[in-house]
């Protein structure tokens, strides 16, 4: 059986300072995820959780190993193929919302489609953005600027923005890091609700085991290795 995401013997190194030895982030990682499932990646700071997400999302390239997504080897994509993959196949949510302050919630959500590889119909795009605002519970805040929204609301707008191009994979890098505990749990519940309704494969990096345990699978960095935990 082929997995939707299949990572084999993945290694990442960066050049050392002033021609010194290279810095190894991790070596020979393996991971699998099924289409439409949710997966958490946990572990101490500095173990490579965000690096792994960036490699899956095509933001960075591995030193060695394979990243297969829907049987396509992302690690061998050309720059043009990577740009298309990042825009159309992957939605990304960061710890900081990165909303454009001069644009409304609705306009922020439409940005990836307007700046991307599609030629969206204006009305269809606006309708899609409004539908996503309703999905995240912010239909009444469509025309508010980011400064007029709470931290939890801004992060929900970021979730809607990540989904505007109907990606196959939703990557969330510490999406609750700037939220209080109550809003953190609400955001994870929202991501899981969208994961179930849209059938988008969800990968979340988090320090919180209580949040991680809500997802279908938990993978943990332990002693330089990535291991699946039994829930």
C-alpha atoms as a PDB file:
ATOM      1  CA  UNK A   1       0.000   0.000   0.000  1.00  0.00           C
ATOM      2  CA  UNK A   2       1.327   3.417  -0.990  1.00  0.00           C
ATOM      3  CA  UNK A   3       1.179   6.172   1.639  1.00  0.00           C
ATOM      4  CA  UNK A   4       0.097   9.677   0.667  1.00  0.00           C
ATOM      5  CA  UNK A   5       3.229  11.088   2.330  1.00  0.00           C
ATOM      6  CA  UNK A   6       6.240   8.784   2.529  1.00  0.00           C
ATOM      7  CA  UNK A   7       9.578  10.061   3.823  1.00  0.00           C
ATOM      8  CA  UNK A   8      12.596   7.778   3.641  1.00  0.00           C
ATOM      9  CA  UNK A   9      16.136   8.239   5.034  1.00  0.00           C
ATOM     10  CA  UNK A  10      15.751  12.010   5.157  1.00  0.00           C
ATOM     11  CA  UNK A  11      18.779  14.046   6.254  1.00  0.00           C
ATOM     12  CA  UNK A  12      19.377  17.773   6.483  1.00  0.00           C
ATOM     13  CA  UNK A  13      22.692  19.545   6.977  1.00  0.00           C
ATOM     14  CA  UNK A  14      23.698  23.201   6.781  1.00  0.00           C
ATOM     15  CA  UNK A  15      27.177  24.558   6.020  1.00  0.00           C
ATOM     16  CA  UNK A  16      29.248  25.352   9.081  1.00  0.00           C
ATOM     17  CA  UNK A  17      30.484  28.835   9.942  1.00  0.00           C
ATOM     18  CA  UNK A  18      33.682  30.036   8.246  1.00  0.00           C
ATOM     19  CA  UNK A  19      34.273  26.778   6.353  1.00  0.00           C
ATOM     20  CA  UNK A  20      33.893  24.749   9.558  1.00  0.00           C
ATOM     21  CA  UNK A  21      32.187  21.351   9.721  1.00  0.00           C
ATOM     22  CA  UNK A  22      28.609  21.166   8.512  1.00  0.00           C
ATOM     23  CA  UNK A  23      25.781  21.238  11.036  1.00  0.00           C
ATOM     24  CA  UNK A  24      23.501  18.192  10.998  1.00  0.00           C
ATOM     25  CA  UNK A  25      19.874  18.883  11.920  1.00  0.00           C
ATOM     26  CA  UNK A  26      18.779  15.251  11.613  1.00  0.00           C
ATOM     27  CA  UNK A  27      19.712  12.087   9.733  1.00  0.00           C
ATOM     28  CA  UNK A  28      17.836   9.143   8.207  1.00  0.00           C
ATOM     29  CA  UNK A  29      14.336  10.142   9.283  1.00  0.00           C
ATOM     30  CA  UNK A  30      11.378   8.074   8.100  1.00  0.00           C
ATOM     31  CA  UNK A  31       7.697   9.054   8.325  1.00  0.00           C
ATOM     32  CA  UNK A  32       4.421   8.088   6.679  1.00  0.00           C
ATOM     33  CA  UNK A  33       1.006   9.747   6.626  1.00  0.00           C
ATOM     34  CA  UNK A  34      -2.250   8.722   5.010  1.00  0.00           C
ATOM     35  CA  UNK A  35      -4.404  10.984   2.864  1.00  0.00           C
ATOM     36  CA  UNK A  36      -6.913  12.993   4.871  1.00  0.00           C
ATOM     37  CA  UNK A  37      -5.444  12.071   8.263  1.00  0.00           C
ATOM     38  CA  UNK A  38      -4.020  14.358  10.958  1.00  0.00           C
ATOM     39  CA  UNK A  39      -0.509  14.023  12.335  1.00  0.00           C
ATOM     40  CA  UNK A  40       1.362  15.824  15.124  1.00  0.00           C
ATOM     41  CA  UNK A  41       5.150  16.217  15.323  1.00  0.00           C
ATOM     42  CA  UNK A  42       6.480  16.863  18.829  1.00  0.00           C
ATOM     43  CA  UNK A  43       9.870  17.142  20.495  1.00  0.00           C
ATOM     44  CA  UNK A  44      12.245  19.571  22.213  1.00  0.00           C
ATOM     45  CA  UNK A  45      13.300  22.834  20.593  1.00  0.00           C
ATOM     46  CA  UNK A  46      16.148  22.489  18.130  1.00  0.00           C
ATOM     47  CA  UNK A  47      15.444  18.894  17.115  1.00  0.00           C
ATOM     48  CA  UNK A  48      14.311  19.784  13.586  1.00  0.00           C
ATOM     49  CA  UNK A  49      10.505  19.848  13.743  1.00  0.00           C
ATOM     50  CA  UNK A  50      10.159  23.077  11.749  1.00  0.00           C
ATOM     51  CA  UNK A  51      12.933  22.011   9.370  1.00  0.00           C
ATOM     52  CA  UNK A  52      11.036  18.815   8.620  1.00  0.00           C
ATOM     53  CA  UNK A  53       7.863  20.783   7.908  1.00  0.00           C
ATOM     54  CA  UNK A  54       9.785  23.141   5.600  1.00  0.00           C
ATOM     55  CA  UNK A  55      11.167  20.168   3.660  1.00  0.00           C
ATOM     56  CA  UNK A  56       7.711  18.616   3.242  1.00  0.00           C
ATOM     57  CA  UNK A  57       6.343  21.994   2.179  1.00  0.00           C
ATOM     58  CA  UNK A  58       9.048  22.558  -0.426  1.00  0.00           C
ATOM     59  CA  UNK A  59      10.436  25.648   1.328  1.00  0.00           C
ATOM     60  CA  UNK A  60      13.811  23.941   1.749  1.00  0.00           C
ATOM     61  CA  UNK A  61      15.560  20.974   0.136  1.00  0.00           C
ATOM     62  CA  UNK A  62      16.940  17.900   1.922  1.00  0.00           C
ATOM     63  CA  UNK A  63      20.606  16.964   1.895  1.00  0.00           C
ATOM     64  CA  UNK A  64      19.705  13.303   1.311  1.00  0.00           C
ATOM     65  CA  UNK A  65      16.622  11.129   1.238  1.00  0.00           C
ATOM     66  CA  UNK A  66      13.213  11.138  -0.414  1.00  0.00           C
ATOM     67  CA  UNK A  67       9.949  12.982   0.227  1.00  0.00           C
ATOM     68  CA  UNK A  68       7.144  11.349  -1.732  1.00  0.00           C
ATOM     69  CA  UNK A  69       3.788  13.129  -1.811  1.00  0.00           C
ATOM     70  CA  UNK A  70       1.086  11.300  -3.744  1.00  0.00           C
ATOM     71  CA  UNK A  71       3.936   9.207  -5.266  1.00  0.00           C
ATOM     72  CA  UNK A  72       5.770  12.305  -6.561  1.00  0.00           C
ATOM     73  CA  UNK A  73       9.303  12.952  -5.286  1.00  0.00           C
ATOM     74  CA  UNK A  74       9.208  16.530  -4.014  1.00  0.00           C
ATOM     75  CA  UNK A  75      12.935  16.452  -3.275  1.00  0.00           C
ATOM     76  CA  UNK A  76      13.726  16.246  -7.013  1.00  0.00           C
ATOM     77  CA  UNK A  77      11.353  19.016  -8.160  1.00  0.00           C
ATOM     78  CA  UNK A  78      12.744  21.904 -10.200  1.00  0.00           C
ATOM     79  CA  UNK A  79      12.377  25.431  -8.776  1.00  0.00           C
ATOM     80  CA  UNK A  80       9.353  26.007 -11.018  1.00  0.00           C
ATOM     81  CA  UNK A  81       7.743  22.734  -9.929  1.00  0.00           C
ATOM     82  CA  UNK A  82       8.401  23.598  -6.273  1.00  0.00           C
ATOM     83  CA  UNK A  83       6.768  27.016  -6.659  1.00  0.00           C
ATOM     84  CA  UNK A  84       3.679  25.396  -8.189  1.00  0.00           C
ATOM     85  CA  UNK A  85       3.616  22.722  -5.476  1.00  0.00           C
ATOM     86  CA  UNK A  86       3.911  25.297  -2.658  1.00  0.00           C
ATOM     87  CA  UNK A  87       1.121  27.439  -4.058  1.00  0.00           C
ATOM     88  CA  UNK A  88      -1.407  24.808  -5.108  1.00  0.00           C
ATOM     89  CA  UNK A  89      -0.727  21.666  -3.063  1.00  0.00           C
ATOM     90  CA  UNK A  90       0.368  23.052   0.310  1.00  0.00           C
ATOM     91  CA  UNK A  91      -1.254  25.432   2.787  1.00  0.00           C
ATOM     92  CA  UNK A  92       1.015  26.841   5.505  1.00  0.00           C
ATOM     93  CA  UNK A  93       0.107  28.253   8.923  1.00  0.00           C
ATOM     94  CA  UNK A  94       2.867  29.835  11.012  1.00  0.00           C
ATOM     95  CA  UNK A  95       3.080  30.719  14.709  1.00  0.00           C
ATOM     96  CA  UNK A  96       2.720  34.373  13.709  1.00  0.00           C
ATOM     97  CA  UNK A  97      -0.246  35.044  11.435  1.00  0.00           C
ATOM     98  CA  UNK A  98       1.701  37.233   8.933  1.00  0.00           C
ATOM     99  CA  UNK A  99      -1.447  39.054   7.831  1.00  0.00           C
ATOM    100  CA  UNK A 100      -0.976  42.214   5.761  1.00  0.00           C
ATOM    101  CA  UNK A 101      -2.018  45.057   8.082  1.00  0.00           C
ATOM    102  CA  UNK A 102      -3.546  47.301   5.405  1.00  0.00           C
ATOM    103  CA  UNK A 103      -5.852  44.578   4.052  1.00  0.00           C
ATOM    104  CA  UNK A 104      -9.128  43.322   5.479  1.00  0.00           C
ATOM    105  CA  UNK A 105      -9.598  39.748   6.667  1.00  0.00           C
ATOM    106  CA  UNK A 106     -11.354  38.910   3.383  1.00  0.00           C
ATOM    107  CA  UNK A 107      -8.585  40.463   1.266  1.00  0.00           C
ATOM    108  CA  UNK A 108      -5.844  38.690   3.236  1.00  0.00           C
ATOM    109  CA  UNK A 109      -7.505  35.347   2.569  1.00  0.00           C
ATOM    110  CA  UNK A 110      -7.573  35.951  -1.196  1.00  0.00           C
ATOM    111  CA  UNK A 111      -3.872  36.908  -1.508  1.00  0.00           C
ATOM    112  CA  UNK A 112      -2.423  33.390  -2.249  1.00  0.00           C
ATOM    113  CA  UNK A 113      -4.875  32.921  -5.118  1.00  0.00           C
ATOM    114  CA  UNK A 114      -4.288  36.389  -6.573  1.00  0.00           C
ATOM    115  CA  UNK A 115      -0.498  36.067  -6.326  1.00  0.00           C
ATOM    116  CA  UNK A 116      -0.303  32.433  -7.331  1.00  0.00           C
ATOM    117  CA  UNK A 117      -0.420  30.138 -10.325  1.00  0.00           C
ATOM    118  CA  UNK A 118      -4.169  30.153 -10.901  1.00  0.00           C
ATOM    119  CA  UNK A 119      -6.298  32.645 -12.812  1.00  0.00           C
ATOM    120  CA  UNK A 120      -9.178  32.984 -10.391  1.00  0.00           C
ATOM    121  CA  UNK A 121     -12.545  34.353 -11.354  1.00  0.00           C
ATOM    122  CA  UNK A 122     -13.070  37.414  -9.165  1.00  0.00           C
ATOM    123  CA  UNK A 123     -16.561  36.539  -7.953  1.00  0.00           C
ATOM    124  CA  UNK A 124     -15.755  32.854  -7.446  1.00  0.00           C
ATOM    125  CA  UNK A 125     -12.652  33.753  -5.443  1.00  0.00           C
ATOM    126  CA  UNK A 126     -14.533  36.227  -3.260  1.00  0.00           C
ATOM    127  CA  UNK A 127     -17.303  33.681  -2.691  1.00  0.00           C
ATOM    128  CA  UNK A 128     -14.713  31.048  -1.737  1.00  0.00           C
ATOM    129  CA  UNK A 129     -13.032  33.455   0.696  1.00  0.00           C
ATOM    130  CA  UNK A 130     -16.376  34.310   2.280  1.00  0.00           C
ATOM    131  CA  UNK A 131     -17.190  30.605   2.626  1.00  0.00           C
ATOM    132  CA  UNK A 132     -13.882  30.036   4.411  1.00  0.00           C
ATOM    133  CA  UNK A 133     -14.538  32.977   6.733  1.00  0.00           C
ATOM    134  CA  UNK A 134     -17.842  31.359   7.619  1.00  0.00           C
ATOM    135  CA  UNK A 135     -16.079  27.989   8.142  1.00  0.00           C
ATOM    136  CA  UNK A 136     -13.719  29.574  10.685  1.00  0.00           C
ATOM    137  CA  UNK A 137     -16.521  31.500  12.384  1.00  0.00           C
ATOM    138  CA  UNK A 138     -15.553  34.988  11.199  1.00  0.00           C
ATOM    139  CA  UNK A 139     -18.129  35.877   8.540  1.00  0.00           C
ATOM    140  CA  UNK A 140     -19.057  38.941  10.602  1.00  0.00           C
ATOM    141  CA  UNK A 141     -15.411  40.151  10.601  1.00  0.00           C
ATOM    142  CA  UNK A 142     -14.799  40.025   6.828  1.00  0.00           C
ATOM    143  CA  UNK A 143     -14.050  43.729   6.437  1.00  0.00           C
ATOM    144  CA  UNK A 144     -12.081  44.254   9.647  1.00  0.00           C
ATOM    145  CA  UNK A 145      -8.342  44.966   9.517  1.00  0.00           C
ATOM    146  CA  UNK A 146      -5.952  42.659  11.440  1.00  0.00           C
ATOM    147  CA  UNK A 147      -5.458  45.283  14.183  1.00  0.00           C
ATOM    148  CA  UNK A 148      -9.207  45.155  14.799  1.00  0.00           C
ATOM    149  CA  UNK A 149      -9.129  41.388  15.431  1.00  0.00           C
ATOM    150  CA  UNK A 150      -8.077  39.422  18.494  1.00  0.00           C
ATOM    151  CA  UNK A 151      -5.049  37.113  18.382  1.00  0.00           C
ATOM    152  CA  UNK A 152      -7.271  34.056  18.028  1.00  0.00           C
ATOM    153  CA  UNK A 153      -9.278  35.697  15.254  1.00  0.00           C
ATOM    154  CA  UNK A 154      -6.136  36.681  13.331  1.00  0.00           C
ATOM    155  CA  UNK A 155      -4.901  33.097  13.488  1.00  0.00           C
ATOM    156  CA  UNK A 156      -8.251  31.836  12.195  1.00  0.00           C
ATOM    157  CA  UNK A 157      -7.960  34.226   9.252  1.00  0.00           C
ATOM    158  CA  UNK A 158      -4.503  32.730   8.621  1.00  0.00           C
ATOM    159  CA  UNK A 159      -6.091  29.258   8.596  1.00  0.00           C
ATOM    160  CA  UNK A 160      -8.662  30.371   6.029  1.00  0.00           C
ATOM    161  CA  UNK A 161      -5.906  31.958   3.909  1.00  0.00           C
ATOM    162  CA  UNK A 162      -3.953  28.678   3.934  1.00  0.00           C
ATOM    163  CA  UNK A 163      -7.006  26.888   2.530  1.00  0.00           C
ATOM    164  CA  UNK A 164      -7.958  29.312  -0.260  1.00  0.00           C
ATOM    165  CA  UNK A 165      -6.267  27.246  -3.010  1.00  0.00           C
ATOM    166  CA  UNK A 166      -7.812  24.004  -1.695  1.00  0.00           C
ATOM    167  CA  UNK A 167      -4.446  22.387  -0.882  1.00  0.00           C
ATOM    168  CA  UNK A 168      -3.936  18.652  -0.410  1.00  0.00           C
ATOM    169  CA  UNK A 169      -1.686  19.242   2.634  1.00  0.00           C
ATOM    170  CA  UNK A 170      -2.073  21.726   5.486  1.00  0.00           C
ATOM    171  CA  UNK A 171       1.161  22.359   7.422  1.00  0.00           C
ATOM    172  CA  UNK A 172       0.911  24.166  10.764  1.00  0.00           C
ATOM    173  CA  UNK A 173       4.151  25.202  12.488  1.00  0.00           C
ATOM    174  CA  UNK A 174       3.418  25.925  16.171  1.00  0.00           C
ATOM    175  CA  UNK A 175       0.085  27.559  15.177  1.00  0.00           C
ATOM    176  CA  UNK A 176      -0.971  27.928  18.830  1.00  0.00           C
ATOM    177  CA  UNK A 177       2.366  29.247  20.136  1.00  0.00           C
ATOM    178  CA  UNK A 178       1.127  32.835  20.506  1.00  0.00           C
ATOM    179  CA  UNK A 179      -2.297  31.892  21.913  1.00  0.00           C
ATOM    180  CA  UNK A 180      -3.531  31.272  25.442  1.00  0.00           C
ATOM    181  CA  UNK A 181      -4.537  27.725  26.369  1.00  0.00           C
ATOM    182  CA  UNK A 182      -8.233  28.211  25.684  1.00  0.00           C
ATOM    183  CA  UNK A 183      -7.719  29.682  22.220  1.00  0.00           C
ATOM    184  CA  UNK A 184      -5.013  27.096  21.494  1.00  0.00           C
ATOM    185  CA  UNK A 185      -7.452  24.222  22.023  1.00  0.00           C
ATOM    186  CA  UNK A 186     -10.131  26.029  19.997  1.00  0.00           C
ATOM    187  CA  UNK A 187      -7.708  26.462  17.088  1.00  0.00           C
ATOM    188  CA  UNK A 188      -6.676  22.791  17.102  1.00  0.00           C
ATOM    189  CA  UNK A 189     -10.341  21.777  17.228  1.00  0.00           C
ATOM    190  CA  UNK A 190     -10.984  24.049  14.232  1.00  0.00           C
ATOM    191  CA  UNK A 191      -8.075  22.531  12.303  1.00  0.00           C
ATOM    192  CA  UNK A 192      -9.371  19.033  13.002  1.00  0.00           C
ATOM    193  CA  UNK A 193     -12.894  20.034  11.972  1.00  0.00           C
ATOM    194  CA  UNK A 194     -11.534  21.352   8.666  1.00  0.00           C
ATOM    195  CA  UNK A 195      -9.329  18.271   8.297  1.00  0.00           C
ATOM    196  CA  UNK A 196     -12.418  16.060   8.537  1.00  0.00           C
ATOM    197  CA  UNK A 197     -14.720  18.184   6.358  1.00  0.00           C
ATOM    198  CA  UNK A 198     -12.216  19.058   3.607  1.00  0.00           C
ATOM    199  CA  UNK A 199     -10.193  15.793   3.702  1.00  0.00           C
ATOM    200  CA  UNK A 200      -6.964  17.815   3.734  1.00  0.00           C
ATOM    201  CA  UNK A 201      -3.980  15.966   5.221  1.00  0.00           C
ATOM    202  CA  UNK A 202      -2.954  17.895   8.349  1.00  0.00           C
ATOM    203  CA  UNK A 203       0.549  18.022   9.875  1.00  0.00           C
ATOM    204  CA  UNK A 204       1.011  20.079  13.048  1.00  0.00           C
ATOM    205  CA  UNK A 205       4.254  20.889  14.859  1.00  0.00           C
ATOM    206  CA  UNK A 206       3.589  21.554  18.539  1.00  0.00           C
ATOM    207  CA  UNK A 207       5.270  21.469  21.951  1.00  0.00           C
ATOM    208  CA  UNK A 208       1.960  20.532  23.609  1.00  0.00           C
ATOM    209  CA  UNK A 209       1.259  16.827  24.095  1.00  0.00           C
ATOM    210  CA  UNK A 210      -2.332  17.594  25.139  1.00  0.00           C
ATOM    211  CA  UNK A 211      -2.899  19.232  21.741  1.00  0.00           C
ATOM    212  CA  UNK A 212      -0.914  16.591  19.864  1.00  0.00           C
ATOM    213  CA  UNK A 213      -2.960  13.762  21.355  1.00  0.00           C
ATOM    214  CA  UNK A 214      -6.096  15.108  19.659  1.00  0.00           C
ATOM    215  CA  UNK A 215      -4.672  14.161  16.248  1.00  0.00           C
ATOM    216  CA  UNK A 216      -4.752  10.753  14.541  1.00  0.00           C
ATOM    217  CA  UNK A 217      -0.999  10.138  14.866  1.00  0.00           C
ATOM    218  CA  UNK A 218       1.816  11.538  16.996  1.00  0.00           C
ATOM    219  CA  UNK A 219       5.442  11.392  15.871  1.00  0.00           C
ATOM    220  CA  UNK A 220       8.134  12.410  18.363  1.00  0.00           C
ATOM    221  CA  UNK A 221      11.776  13.400  18.028  1.00  0.00           C
ATOM    222  CA  UNK A 222      13.655  11.298  20.606  1.00  0.00           C
ATOM    223  CA  UNK A 223      17.446  10.948  20.812  1.00  0.00           C
ATOM    224  CA  UNK A 224      17.906  12.156  17.243  1.00  0.00           C
ATOM    225  CA  UNK A 225      15.289   9.788  15.836  1.00  0.00           C
ATOM    226  CA  UNK A 226      11.693  10.323  14.764  1.00  0.00           C
ATOM    227  CA  UNK A 227       9.377   7.670  16.178  1.00  0.00           C
ATOM    228  CA  UNK A 228       5.642   7.127  16.022  1.00  0.00           C
ATOM    229  CA  UNK A 229       3.988   7.099  19.428  1.00  0.00           C
ATOM    230  CA  UNK A 230       1.139   4.763  20.305  1.00  0.00           C
ATOM    231  CA  UNK A 231      -1.875   6.801  21.429  1.00  0.00           C
END
